[in-house]
Protein backbone atom coordinates (compact mmCIF):
# COMPACT_ATOMS: atom_id res chain seq x y z
CA UNK A 1 114.45 87.02 86.64
CA UNK A 2 117.56 86.89 84.38
CA UNK A 3 115.84 84.72 81.77
CA UNK A 4 112.70 86.83 81.96
CA UNK A 5 114.62 89.81 80.56
CA UNK A 6 116.61 87.76 78.04
CA UNK A 7 113.46 86.11 76.65
CA UNK A 8 111.67 89.46 76.32
CA UNK A 9 114.30 90.99 74.03
CA UNK A 10 116.70 92.57 76.54
CA UNK A 11 120.49 92.24 76.09
CA UNK A 12 123.29 92.41 78.63
CA UNK A 13 124.92 95.82 78.37
CA UNK A 14 128.07 95.02 80.34
CA UNK A 15 129.55 92.14 82.26
CA UNK A 16 127.81 91.42 85.60
CA UNK A 17 129.26 93.24 88.61
CA UNK A 18 129.85 91.38 91.87
CA UNK A 19 129.71 92.97 95.31
CA UNK A 20 130.46 91.29 98.65
CA UNK A 21 128.21 92.22 101.56
CA UNK A 22 130.38 91.25 104.54
CA UNK A 23 127.86 92.39 107.16
CA UNK A 24 125.13 90.06 105.94
CA UNK A 25 127.53 87.46 104.53
CA UNK A 26 126.17 87.43 101.02
CA UNK A 27 127.25 88.04 97.43
CA UNK A 28 125.32 90.49 95.24
CA UNK A 29 125.41 90.19 91.44
CA UNK A 30 124.29 93.20 89.37
CA UNK A 31 123.12 92.75 85.77
CA UNK A 32 122.61 95.73 83.45
CA UNK A 33 120.29 95.18 80.49
CA UNK A 34 119.49 97.34 77.47
CA UNK A 35 116.76 97.24 74.83
CA UNK A 36 115.79 99.39 71.86
CA UNK A 37 112.32 100.80 72.50
CA UNK A 38 109.91 102.47 70.12
CA UNK A 39 107.20 104.36 71.98
CA UNK A 40 103.61 104.17 70.77
CA UNK A 41 103.19 106.96 68.21
CA UNK A 42 99.43 106.85 67.58
CA UNK A 43 97.51 105.78 70.71
CA UNK A 44 93.85 104.93 70.19
CA UNK A 45 92.67 106.22 73.57
CA UNK A 46 94.05 107.42 76.91
CA UNK A 47 94.11 106.50 80.61
CA UNK A 48 94.39 109.27 83.22
CA UNK A 49 95.98 108.56 86.61
CA UNK A 50 95.82 110.55 89.86
CA UNK A 51 98.17 109.63 92.73
CA UNK A 52 97.08 110.26 96.33
CA UNK A 53 98.36 109.31 99.77
CA UNK A 54 95.96 106.43 100.30
CA UNK A 55 94.70 105.62 96.80
CA UNK A 56 95.46 105.76 93.10
CA UNK A 57 92.57 106.74 90.83
CA UNK A 58 92.48 105.53 87.23
CA UNK A 59 90.01 106.59 84.51
CA UNK A 60 89.46 104.01 81.77
CA UNK A 61 86.96 105.25 79.17
CA UNK A 62 83.69 105.81 81.06
CA UNK A 63 84.84 104.02 84.23
CA UNK A 64 86.80 105.36 87.18
CA UNK A 65 88.62 102.95 89.51
CA UNK A 66 89.71 104.14 92.96
CA UNK A 67 92.39 101.68 94.07
CA UNK A 68 92.91 101.81 97.84
CA UNK A 69 96.58 101.29 98.79
CA UNK A 70 96.60 101.45 102.62
CA UNK A 71 99.88 103.43 102.47
CA UNK A 72 98.65 105.65 105.31
CA UNK A 73 97.98 102.61 107.49
CA UNK A 74 101.47 101.22 106.82
CA UNK A 75 103.16 104.56 107.57
CA UNK A 76 101.30 105.11 110.85
CA UNK A 77 101.69 101.48 111.93
CA UNK A 78 105.46 101.36 111.46
CA UNK A 79 105.81 104.81 113.00
CA UNK A 80 104.29 103.41 116.22
CA UNK A 81 106.57 100.37 116.07
CA UNK A 82 109.62 102.65 115.82
CA UNK A 83 108.48 104.65 118.84
CA UNK A 84 108.35 101.42 120.85
CA UNK A 85 111.78 100.20 119.65
CA UNK A 86 113.38 103.49 120.70
CA UNK A 87 112.70 102.55 124.33
CA UNK A 88 114.49 99.20 123.95
CA UNK A 89 118.22 98.61 124.31
CA UNK A 90 120.16 96.92 121.53
CA UNK A 91 117.34 97.36 119.06
CA UNK A 92 119.41 98.34 115.99
CA UNK A 93 118.66 95.09 114.19
CA UNK A 94 114.94 95.41 114.97
CA UNK A 95 114.88 99.01 113.70
CA UNK A 96 116.55 97.98 110.46
CA UNK A 97 114.12 95.07 110.04
CA UNK A 98 111.11 97.36 110.55
CA UNK A 99 112.50 99.88 108.08
CA UNK A 100 113.07 97.20 105.43
CA UNK A 101 109.61 95.69 105.98
CA UNK A 102 107.91 99.07 105.55
CA UNK A 103 109.97 99.84 102.46
CA UNK A 104 109.24 96.44 100.86
CA UNK A 105 105.49 96.63 101.51
CA UNK A 106 105.25 100.05 99.88
CA UNK A 107 107.48 99.00 96.99
CA UNK A 108 105.33 95.92 96.35
CA UNK A 109 102.16 98.02 96.12
CA UNK A 110 103.78 100.56 93.79
CA UNK A 111 105.09 97.88 91.43
CA UNK A 112 101.71 96.17 91.36
CA UNK A 113 99.93 99.45 90.62
CA UNK A 114 102.38 100.28 87.84
CA UNK A 115 101.90 96.83 86.30
CA UNK A 116 98.10 97.06 86.41
CA UNK A 117 98.08 100.52 84.78
CA UNK A 118 100.56 99.58 82.05
CA UNK A 119 98.89 96.22 81.36
CA UNK A 120 95.54 97.86 80.67
CA UNK A 121 97.22 100.62 78.60
CA UNK A 122 98.96 97.96 76.51
CA UNK A 123 95.69 96.06 76.00
CA UNK A 124 93.83 99.17 74.90
CA UNK A 125 96.73 100.76 72.96
CA UNK A 126 96.30 103.79 75.19
CA UNK A 127 98.54 106.63 76.30
CA UNK A 128 98.98 107.13 80.07
CA UNK A 129 98.36 110.66 81.36
CA UNK A 130 100.12 111.66 84.59
CA UNK A 131 100.62 114.84 86.58
CA UNK A 132 103.99 116.56 86.27
CA UNK A 133 104.93 116.60 89.96
CA UNK A 134 107.81 118.92 90.95
CA UNK A 135 110.96 117.56 92.60
CA UNK A 136 110.06 119.25 95.87
CA UNK A 137 106.50 117.94 95.84
CA UNK A 138 106.36 116.85 99.55
CA UNK A 139 108.00 120.10 100.71
CA UNK A 140 105.45 122.18 98.81
CA UNK A 141 102.55 120.15 100.25
CA UNK A 142 103.60 120.57 103.89
CA UNK A 143 104.39 124.30 103.84
CA UNK A 144 101.24 125.19 105.78
CA UNK A 145 100.94 121.93 107.74
CA UNK A 146 102.20 121.93 111.32
CA UNK A 147 100.98 118.54 112.52
CA UNK A 148 104.10 116.32 112.81
CA UNK A 149 102.27 113.07 112.06
CA UNK A 150 100.60 114.49 108.96
CA UNK A 151 103.91 115.93 107.72
CA UNK A 152 105.54 112.54 108.21
CA UNK A 153 102.71 110.80 106.32
CA UNK A 154 103.06 113.13 103.34
CA UNK A 155 106.83 112.61 103.20
CA UNK A 156 106.40 108.85 103.38
CA UNK A 157 103.60 108.65 100.77
CA UNK A 158 106.13 108.51 97.93
CA UNK A 159 104.15 110.35 95.24
CA UNK A 160 107.12 110.89 92.94
CA UNK A 161 108.46 107.37 93.53
CA UNK A 162 105.20 105.84 92.30
CA UNK A 163 105.10 108.30 89.40
CA UNK A 164 108.62 107.26 88.38
CA UNK A 165 107.74 103.56 88.71
CA UNK A 166 104.74 103.99 86.38
CA UNK A 167 106.89 105.92 83.88
CA UNK A 168 109.58 103.22 83.88
CA UNK A 169 107.01 100.46 83.31
CA UNK A 170 105.47 102.47 80.47
CA UNK A 171 108.89 102.89 78.87
CA UNK A 172 109.58 99.17 79.28
CA UNK A 173 106.28 98.29 77.54
CA UNK A 174 106.59 101.00 74.85
CA UNK A 175 103.61 103.01 76.11
CA UNK A 176 103.34 106.75 75.48
CA UNK A 177 103.39 108.90 78.65
CA UNK A 178 101.86 112.38 78.63
CA UNK A 179 102.38 114.77 81.56
CA UNK A 180 100.16 117.71 82.46
CA UNK A 181 100.37 120.59 84.91
CA UNK A 182 98.76 119.48 88.22
CA UNK A 183 97.54 122.99 89.04
CA UNK A 184 93.80 123.02 89.78
CA UNK A 185 93.16 119.38 88.90
CA UNK A 186 91.49 118.69 92.27
CA UNK A 187 89.74 122.02 92.76
CA UNK A 188 88.21 122.93 89.38
CA UNK A 189 84.90 121.64 88.02
CA UNK A 190 85.68 119.52 84.92
CA UNK A 191 82.28 120.46 83.43
CA UNK A 192 82.11 124.24 83.72
CA UNK A 193 85.58 125.23 84.99
CA UNK A 194 84.28 126.89 88.19
CA UNK A 195 85.99 126.69 91.56
CA UNK A 196 84.71 123.72 93.58
CA UNK A 197 83.56 123.90 97.19
CA UNK A 198 83.71 121.29 99.95
CA UNK A 199 80.69 119.01 99.99
CA UNK A 200 78.81 117.51 102.91
CA UNK A 201 80.98 114.36 103.03
CA UNK A 202 84.75 113.65 103.17
CA UNK A 203 86.45 114.03 99.75
CA UNK A 204 83.17 115.17 98.18
CA UNK A 205 83.20 118.44 96.23
CA UNK A 206 80.29 120.63 95.13
CA UNK A 207 80.02 122.98 92.16
CA UNK A 208 77.85 125.97 92.99
CA UNK A 209 77.47 126.95 89.32
CA UNK A 210 76.32 123.66 87.77
CA UNK A 211 75.08 121.98 90.98
CA UNK A 212 77.10 118.78 90.59
CA UNK A 213 78.49 116.77 93.50
CA UNK A 214 81.66 114.92 92.54
CA UNK A 215 84.28 112.94 94.46
CA UNK A 216 87.66 114.66 94.70
CA UNK A 217 89.48 111.71 93.12
CA UNK A 218 87.03 111.62 90.18
CA UNK A 219 87.46 115.36 89.64
CA UNK A 220 91.24 114.93 89.43
CA UNK A 221 91.28 112.22 86.74
CA UNK A 222 88.66 114.08 84.66
CA UNK A 223 90.71 117.30 84.74
CA UNK A 224 93.97 115.47 84.03
CA UNK A 225 92.40 113.87 80.96
CA UNK A 226 90.79 117.16 79.92
CA UNK A 227 94.12 119.04 80.03
CA UNK A 228 95.81 116.48 77.78
CA UNK A 229 92.97 116.24 75.24
CA UNK A 230 92.55 120.02 74.96
CA UNK A 231 96.18 120.37 73.89
CA UNK A 232 95.76 117.59 71.34
CA UNK A 233 98.41 115.42 72.96
CA UNK A 234 96.13 112.37 73.20
CA UNK A 235 93.00 111.27 71.27
CA UNK A 236 89.79 113.12 72.14
CA UNK A 237 87.82 111.48 74.94
CA UNK A 238 84.08 112.19 75.41
CA UNK A 239 83.24 114.23 78.48
CA UNK A 240 81.28 112.38 81.20
CA UNK A 241 78.14 114.43 80.50
CA UNK A 242 78.00 112.67 77.12
CA UNK A 243 78.19 109.13 78.54
CA UNK A 244 77.34 107.84 82.05
CA UNK A 245 80.43 107.69 84.28
CA UNK A 246 80.75 104.70 86.62
CA UNK A 247 82.92 104.71 89.74
CA UNK A 248 84.32 101.68 91.56
CA UNK A 249 86.18 101.81 94.88
CA UNK A 250 88.37 98.71 95.07
CA UNK A 251 89.93 97.58 98.38
CA UNK A 252 93.55 96.47 98.16
CA UNK A 253 92.72 92.75 98.39
CA UNK A 254 90.39 93.18 95.40
CA UNK A 255 92.91 94.66 92.93
CA UNK A 256 96.21 93.18 94.22
CA UNK A 257 95.28 89.75 92.83
CA UNK A 258 94.48 91.06 89.36
CA UNK A 259 96.64 91.81 86.34
CA UNK A 260 94.18 94.20 84.72
CA UNK A 261 91.28 96.42 85.77
CA UNK A 262 89.28 95.22 82.77
CA UNK A 263 88.51 92.04 84.70
CA UNK A 264 86.51 94.06 87.24
CA UNK A 265 84.33 96.02 84.84
CA UNK A 266 81.29 93.73 85.22
CA UNK A 267 81.43 93.69 89.01
CA UNK A 268 78.32 94.95 90.85
CA UNK A 269 80.47 97.42 92.82
CA UNK A 270 80.35 99.83 89.90
CA UNK A 271 77.90 102.65 90.52
CA UNK A 272 76.89 105.61 88.37
CA UNK A 273 78.41 108.93 89.37
CA UNK A 274 76.06 111.43 91.00
CA UNK A 275 75.32 114.53 88.96
């Protein structure tokens, strides 16, 4: 890891710091690196990203990739494990192990997602468009939610943590990041601007004015991109009514092994969006 940073142009900022962990009988060495970065000034195109509890949706040109993360499954699974350990005596070590395992699994997925998004942005010379999530994002989301398990899931989803991870990777790879107001991105029709209604299937929305049925995740990335392009902050992207929009839902095992989403674009799982 040390040589990876040195060989990619990073320099040691200060002398390494050493810390002794007496509990676990180990020595920790901290290295601080620095590098002069020039962010991309004239991106050719843009990639919009929407972060959800159980998936991350990415729009690349006329394709939308819904990357399933299984974060909900991890949160609920480890929550049950903790309930069991509370009934056991002398289970402090087990509790700590479970906590670390859950944290590491989520961290691994977030790092992988950030790498995939930034790799494709680097390849395409694209800006990355994200929502500007407030500091109290989880608190705002659970204001009218009284189910304890659902509240716990939202707190543990780590929306802002993933957002920060993507931003840091973009900065590291000199990619321009554009943030937009998240208000209405999942409830407004990207075609006519009308208020969307619930459809006849989970996460499916219906526009009464223009008659379109669109997935909630697809709506979000279209509106995120639209907000950035309308303000002239990224290059103009054609609206999906000008070119066919294809949507691919990728299970975790499908995207975790890849370095870029471009490798999946010829897969038969891509299907044209319903209009």
